[in-house]
Amino acid sequence: MTQPMRAALAKFFKVHPGFLVDDPEGYHTELVSDLRTTEGQLDVWLLQGAERFASDSEVSEAMIKAAREKDTRRCLVLLGAILDTPGLADRLLETLKPQRQGADRAREVCSL
């Protein structure tokens, strides 16, 4: 079918001309990929968890931050890799949150 013929038919049937051509092989009409669906599910799960653990502000805030990341799955995979490396989580916490570590140690000393 020629372009002018397609345009005339589209005008007659009041549809977009692209409606009158076959979709390429492998074309899908779904707007959301499986990966994005997974991302959305992870985001919802994390946000629900953040609400559930609202009494623990650090955990709740961390879950919200992960859900807001563009690639939530990557954040969780990174966390898994950190936890697989012996001692890395402790070293990272000491480096990234030194004042918290000091406060925790002070509380330990005070409770003795």
N, C-alpha and C. Protein backbone atom coordinates (compact mmCIF):
# COMPACT_ATOMS: atom_id res chain seq x y z
N MET A 1 0.86 -1.16 0.00
CA MET A 1 0.00 0.00 0.00
C MET A 1 0.91 1.24 0.00
N THR A 2 0.59 2.20 -0.83
CA THR A 2 1.40 3.42 -0.91
C THR A 2 1.00 4.38 0.22
N GLN A 3 1.88 5.32 0.49
CA GLN A 3 1.60 6.31 1.54
C GLN A 3 0.34 7.13 1.22
N PRO A 4 0.15 7.65 0.00
CA PRO A 4 -1.09 8.41 -0.28
C PRO A 4 -2.35 7.56 -0.11
N MET A 5 -2.28 6.28 -0.49
CA MET A 5 -3.44 5.40 -0.34
C MET A 5 -3.73 5.19 1.15
N ARG A 6 -2.66 4.98 1.94
CA ARG A 6 -2.82 4.78 3.38
C ARG A 6 -3.41 6.04 4.01
N ALA A 7 -2.94 7.22 3.61
CA ALA A 7 -3.45 8.48 4.15
C ALA A 7 -4.92 8.67 3.81
N ALA A 8 -5.31 8.31 2.58
CA ALA A 8 -6.72 8.44 2.17
C ALA A 8 -7.61 7.50 2.98
N LEU A 9 -7.18 6.26 3.13
CA LEU A 9 -7.96 5.30 3.92
C LEU A 9 -8.05 5.74 5.39
N ALA A 10 -6.94 6.22 5.93
CA ALA A 10 -6.94 6.68 7.32
C ALA A 10 -7.90 7.84 7.51
N LYS A 11 -7.92 8.73 6.55
CA LYS A 11 -8.84 9.88 6.63
C LYS A 11 -10.28 9.40 6.57
N PHE A 12 -10.56 8.46 5.66
CA PHE A 12 -11.91 7.94 5.51
C PHE A 12 -12.39 7.25 6.79
N PHE A 13 -11.51 6.41 7.37
CA PHE A 13 -11.88 5.67 8.57
C PHE A 13 -11.64 6.45 9.86
N LYS A 14 -11.08 7.65 9.72
CA LYS A 14 -10.79 8.55 10.85
C LYS A 14 -9.90 7.86 11.88
N VAL A 15 -8.79 7.30 11.37
CA VAL A 15 -7.78 6.69 12.23
C VAL A 15 -6.41 7.24 11.84
N HIS A 16 -5.44 7.03 12.68
CA HIS A 16 -4.07 7.42 12.36
C HIS A 16 -3.55 6.51 11.26
N PRO A 17 -2.77 7.03 10.29
CA PRO A 17 -2.25 6.19 9.21
C PRO A 17 -1.43 5.00 9.70
N GLY A 18 -0.74 5.15 10.83
CA GLY A 18 0.04 4.06 11.38
C GLY A 18 -0.82 2.88 11.79
N PHE A 19 -2.11 3.12 12.01
CA PHE A 19 -3.04 2.06 12.38
C PHE A 19 -3.20 1.05 11.25
N LEU A 20 -2.93 1.48 10.04
CA LEU A 20 -3.16 0.65 8.86
C LEU A 20 -1.93 -0.14 8.41
N VAL A 21 -0.87 -0.14 9.19
CA VAL A 21 0.32 -0.93 8.85
C VAL A 21 0.53 -2.00 9.91
N ASP A 22 1.18 -3.07 9.50
CA ASP A 22 1.50 -4.15 10.44
C ASP A 22 2.59 -3.69 11.39
N ASP A 23 2.51 -4.16 12.63
CA ASP A 23 3.56 -3.87 13.59
C ASP A 23 4.79 -4.70 13.25
N PRO A 24 5.98 -4.16 13.49
CA PRO A 24 7.19 -4.95 13.23
C PRO A 24 7.25 -6.17 14.15
N GLU A 25 7.95 -7.19 13.71
CA GLU A 25 8.08 -8.41 14.50
C GLU A 25 8.69 -8.08 15.86
N GLY A 26 8.10 -8.61 16.92
CA GLY A 26 8.60 -8.36 18.26
C GLY A 26 8.03 -7.11 18.92
N TYR A 27 7.21 -6.36 18.20
CA TYR A 27 6.62 -5.13 18.75
C TYR A 27 5.57 -5.50 19.79
N HIS A 28 5.57 -4.77 20.90
CA HIS A 28 4.58 -5.01 21.96
C HIS A 28 3.86 -3.71 22.27
N THR A 29 2.59 -3.81 22.54
CA THR A 29 1.80 -2.61 22.85
C THR A 29 1.90 -2.22 24.32
N GLU A 30 2.43 -3.13 25.15
CA GLU A 30 2.56 -2.81 26.57
C GLU A 30 3.58 -1.70 26.74
N LEU A 31 3.26 -0.73 27.58
CA LEU A 31 4.15 0.39 27.81
C LEU A 31 5.18 0.12 28.90
N VAL A 32 4.94 -0.89 29.71
CA VAL A 32 5.81 -1.17 30.84
C VAL A 32 6.56 -2.47 30.58
N SER A 33 7.89 -2.42 30.71
CA SER A 33 8.69 -3.63 30.54
C SER A 33 8.65 -4.46 31.82
N ASP A 34 9.10 -5.70 31.73
CA ASP A 34 9.16 -6.56 32.92
C ASP A 34 10.06 -5.94 33.98
N LEU A 35 11.19 -5.34 33.54
CA LEU A 35 12.12 -4.74 34.48
C LEU A 35 11.44 -3.60 35.22
N ARG A 36 10.71 -2.73 34.51
CA ARG A 36 10.05 -1.61 35.17
C ARG A 36 8.97 -2.11 36.12
N THR A 37 8.29 -3.20 35.75
CA THR A 37 7.30 -3.78 36.64
C THR A 37 7.97 -4.25 37.92
N THR A 38 9.12 -4.89 37.78
CA THR A 38 9.88 -5.33 38.95
C THR A 38 10.29 -4.13 39.79
N GLU A 39 10.79 -3.08 39.13
CA GLU A 39 11.18 -1.86 39.85
C GLU A 39 10.00 -1.30 40.63
N GLY A 40 8.86 -1.23 39.99
CA GLY A 40 7.66 -0.70 40.65
C GLY A 40 7.27 -1.53 41.86
N GLN A 41 7.34 -2.85 41.71
CA GLN A 41 7.00 -3.73 42.82
C GLN A 41 7.98 -3.55 43.98
N LEU A 42 9.26 -3.42 43.66
CA LEU A 42 10.26 -3.19 44.71
C LEU A 42 10.00 -1.87 45.41
N ASP A 43 9.69 -0.83 44.64
CA ASP A 43 9.43 0.48 45.22
C ASP A 43 8.24 0.44 46.18
N VAL A 44 7.16 -0.20 45.75
CA VAL A 44 5.97 -0.31 46.60
C VAL A 44 6.30 -1.09 47.86
N TRP A 45 7.02 -2.20 47.70
CA TRP A 45 7.40 -3.03 48.85
C TRP A 45 8.24 -2.23 49.85
N LEU A 46 9.19 -1.47 49.34
CA LEU A 46 10.06 -0.68 50.22
C LEU A 46 9.27 0.43 50.92
N LEU A 47 8.38 1.09 50.20
CA LEU A 47 7.59 2.16 50.81
C LEU A 47 6.63 1.62 51.87
N GLN A 48 6.06 0.45 51.60
CA GLN A 48 5.20 -0.17 52.62
C GLN A 48 6.02 -0.57 53.84
N GLY A 49 7.22 -1.07 53.61
CA GLY A 49 8.11 -1.41 54.71
C GLY A 49 8.51 -0.18 55.51
N ALA A 50 8.73 0.93 54.81
CA ALA A 50 9.09 2.17 55.50
C ALA A 50 7.97 2.62 56.43
N GLU A 51 6.74 2.44 56.00
CA GLU A 51 5.59 2.78 56.86
C GLU A 51 5.53 1.83 58.06
N ARG A 52 5.79 0.56 57.78
CA ARG A 52 5.71 -0.44 58.85
C ARG A 52 6.77 -0.22 59.92
N PHE A 53 7.95 0.27 59.49
CA PHE A 53 9.05 0.48 60.43
C PHE A 53 9.25 1.97 60.72
N ALA A 54 8.18 2.72 60.72
CA ALA A 54 8.25 4.16 60.96
C ALA A 54 8.85 4.49 62.32
N SER A 55 8.73 3.59 63.28
CA SER A 55 9.28 3.85 64.61
C SER A 55 10.81 3.80 64.61
N ASP A 56 11.41 3.18 63.60
CA ASP A 56 12.86 3.16 63.45
C ASP A 56 13.21 4.08 62.29
N SER A 57 13.46 5.33 62.60
CA SER A 57 13.62 6.35 61.56
C SER A 57 14.76 6.05 60.58
N GLU A 58 15.85 5.47 61.07
CA GLU A 58 16.97 5.17 60.17
C GLU A 58 16.59 4.12 59.13
N VAL A 59 15.92 3.06 59.57
CA VAL A 59 15.51 2.00 58.65
C VAL A 59 14.45 2.53 57.69
N SER A 60 13.48 3.26 58.23
CA SER A 60 12.42 3.82 57.40
C SER A 60 12.97 4.76 56.34
N GLU A 61 13.87 5.65 56.72
CA GLU A 61 14.46 6.60 55.77
C GLU A 61 15.30 5.89 54.72
N ALA A 62 16.03 4.85 55.13
CA ALA A 62 16.84 4.09 54.17
C ALA A 62 15.94 3.41 53.14
N MET A 63 14.83 2.85 53.57
CA MET A 63 13.92 2.20 52.65
C MET A 63 13.30 3.20 51.67
N ILE A 64 12.96 4.38 52.17
CA ILE A 64 12.40 5.43 51.30
C ILE A 64 13.44 5.88 50.28
N LYS A 65 14.67 6.06 50.73
CA LYS A 65 15.74 6.48 49.80
C LYS A 65 15.96 5.44 48.72
N ALA A 66 15.95 4.17 49.07
CA ALA A 66 16.13 3.10 48.08
C ALA A 66 14.97 3.10 47.08
N ALA A 67 13.76 3.29 47.58
CA ALA A 67 12.58 3.31 46.69
C ALA A 67 12.62 4.49 45.73
N ARG A 68 13.21 5.59 46.15
CA ARG A 68 13.27 6.79 45.30
C ARG A 68 14.38 6.74 44.25
N GLU A 69 15.30 5.80 44.41
CA GLU A 69 16.38 5.65 43.45
C GLU A 69 15.82 5.22 42.10
N LYS A 70 16.48 5.64 41.04
CA LYS A 70 16.03 5.27 39.70
C LYS A 70 16.11 3.76 39.49
N ASP A 71 17.15 3.14 40.02
CA ASP A 71 17.37 1.70 39.85
C ASP A 71 17.36 1.02 41.21
N THR A 72 16.17 0.79 41.73
CA THR A 72 15.99 0.19 43.05
C THR A 72 16.64 -1.19 43.13
N ARG A 73 16.49 -1.95 42.08
CA ARG A 73 17.05 -3.30 42.06
C ARG A 73 18.56 -3.26 42.26
N ARG A 74 19.21 -2.30 41.59
CA ARG A 74 20.67 -2.17 41.72
C ARG A 74 21.05 -1.87 43.16
N CYS A 75 20.27 -1.04 43.85
CA CYS A 75 20.54 -0.73 45.25
C CYS A 75 20.51 -1.98 46.11
N LEU A 76 19.52 -2.83 45.89
CA LEU A 76 19.42 -4.05 46.68
C LEU A 76 20.52 -5.05 46.34
N VAL A 77 20.89 -5.11 45.06
CA VAL A 77 21.99 -5.99 44.65
C VAL A 77 23.29 -5.49 45.29
N LEU A 78 23.49 -4.18 45.32
CA LEU A 78 24.68 -3.59 45.96
C LEU A 78 24.70 -3.93 47.45
N LEU A 79 23.58 -3.81 48.11
CA LEU A 79 23.51 -4.16 49.53
C LEU A 79 23.90 -5.62 49.73
N GLY A 80 23.40 -6.51 48.86
CA GLY A 80 23.77 -7.92 48.95
C GLY A 80 25.27 -8.13 48.80
N ALA A 81 25.88 -7.40 47.85
CA ALA A 81 27.33 -7.52 47.63
C ALA A 81 28.11 -7.01 48.84
N ILE A 82 27.63 -5.95 49.43
CA ILE A 82 28.29 -5.41 50.64
C ILE A 82 28.23 -6.44 51.76
N LEU A 83 27.07 -7.04 51.94
CA LEU A 83 26.91 -8.01 53.02
C LEU A 83 27.66 -9.31 52.77
N ASP A 84 27.93 -9.62 51.48
CA ASP A 84 28.71 -10.81 51.15
C ASP A 84 30.19 -10.63 51.44
N THR A 85 30.64 -9.40 51.58
CA THR A 85 32.05 -9.12 51.82
C THR A 85 32.28 -8.99 53.32
N PRO A 86 32.98 -9.93 53.94
CA PRO A 86 33.16 -9.90 55.39
C PRO A 86 33.75 -8.58 55.89
N GLY A 87 33.09 -8.00 56.88
CA GLY A 87 33.57 -6.79 57.53
C GLY A 87 33.32 -5.50 56.77
N LEU A 88 32.89 -5.57 55.51
CA LEU A 88 32.71 -4.35 54.73
C LEU A 88 31.60 -3.47 55.28
N ALA A 89 30.49 -4.07 55.70
CA ALA A 89 29.38 -3.28 56.22
C ALA A 89 29.82 -2.47 57.45
N ASP A 90 30.56 -3.11 58.35
CA ASP A 90 31.04 -2.41 59.54
C ASP A 90 32.00 -1.27 59.18
N ARG A 91 32.91 -1.53 58.24
CA ARG A 91 33.87 -0.49 57.84
C ARG A 91 33.16 0.67 57.16
N LEU A 92 32.17 0.37 56.34
CA LEU A 92 31.42 1.44 55.67
C LEU A 92 30.64 2.27 56.68
N LEU A 93 30.01 1.60 57.64
CA LEU A 93 29.27 2.34 58.68
C LEU A 93 30.19 3.24 59.49
N GLU A 94 31.36 2.74 59.84
CA GLU A 94 32.31 3.56 60.59
C GLU A 94 32.74 4.79 59.79
N THR A 95 32.91 4.61 58.49
CA THR A 95 33.36 5.70 57.63
C THR A 95 32.23 6.69 57.34
N LEU A 96 31.05 6.18 57.05
CA LEU A 96 29.94 7.03 56.63
C LEU A 96 29.15 7.64 57.78
N LYS A 97 29.13 6.99 58.92
CA LYS A 97 28.35 7.47 60.07
C LYS A 97 29.21 7.49 61.33
N PRO A 98 30.34 8.22 61.33
CA PRO A 98 31.22 8.17 62.51
C PRO A 98 30.56 8.72 63.77
N GLN A 99 29.72 9.76 63.64
CA GLN A 99 29.10 10.32 64.84
C GLN A 99 28.11 9.36 65.46
N ARG A 100 27.44 8.54 64.67
CA ARG A 100 26.51 7.55 65.19
C ARG A 100 27.27 6.49 65.97
N GLN A 101 28.39 6.05 65.41
CA GLN A 101 29.19 5.03 66.07
C GLN A 101 29.66 5.55 67.44
N GLY A 102 30.08 6.81 67.47
CA GLY A 102 30.53 7.41 68.73
C GLY A 102 29.40 7.49 69.74
N ALA A 103 28.22 7.85 69.29
CA ALA A 103 27.06 7.93 70.19
C ALA A 103 26.70 6.55 70.71
N ASP A 104 26.76 5.52 69.85
CA ASP A 104 26.47 4.17 70.28
C ASP A 104 27.47 3.69 71.33
N ARG A 105 28.73 4.01 71.10
CA ARG A 105 29.76 3.62 72.07
C ARG A 105 29.57 4.34 73.40
N ALA A 106 29.20 5.62 73.33
CA ALA A 106 28.95 6.40 74.55
C ALA A 106 27.79 5.81 75.34
N ARG A 107 26.74 5.38 74.64
CA ARG A 107 25.60 4.76 75.31
C ARG A 107 26.02 3.45 75.97
N GLU A 108 26.87 2.68 75.30
CA GLU A 108 27.35 1.42 75.86
C GLU A 108 28.12 1.66 77.14
N VAL A 109 28.99 2.67 77.13
CA VAL A 109 29.79 2.99 78.30
C VAL A 109 28.90 3.46 79.44
N CYS A 110 27.90 4.30 79.12
CA CYS A 110 27.00 4.82 80.14
C CYS A 110 26.15 3.73 80.76
N SER A 111 25.82 2.71 79.98
CA SER A 111 24.95 1.65 80.50
C SER A 111 25.72 0.66 81.39
N LEU A 112 27.06 0.73 81.35
CA LEU A 112 27.85 -0.20 82.19
C LEU A 112 27.79 0.20 83.59
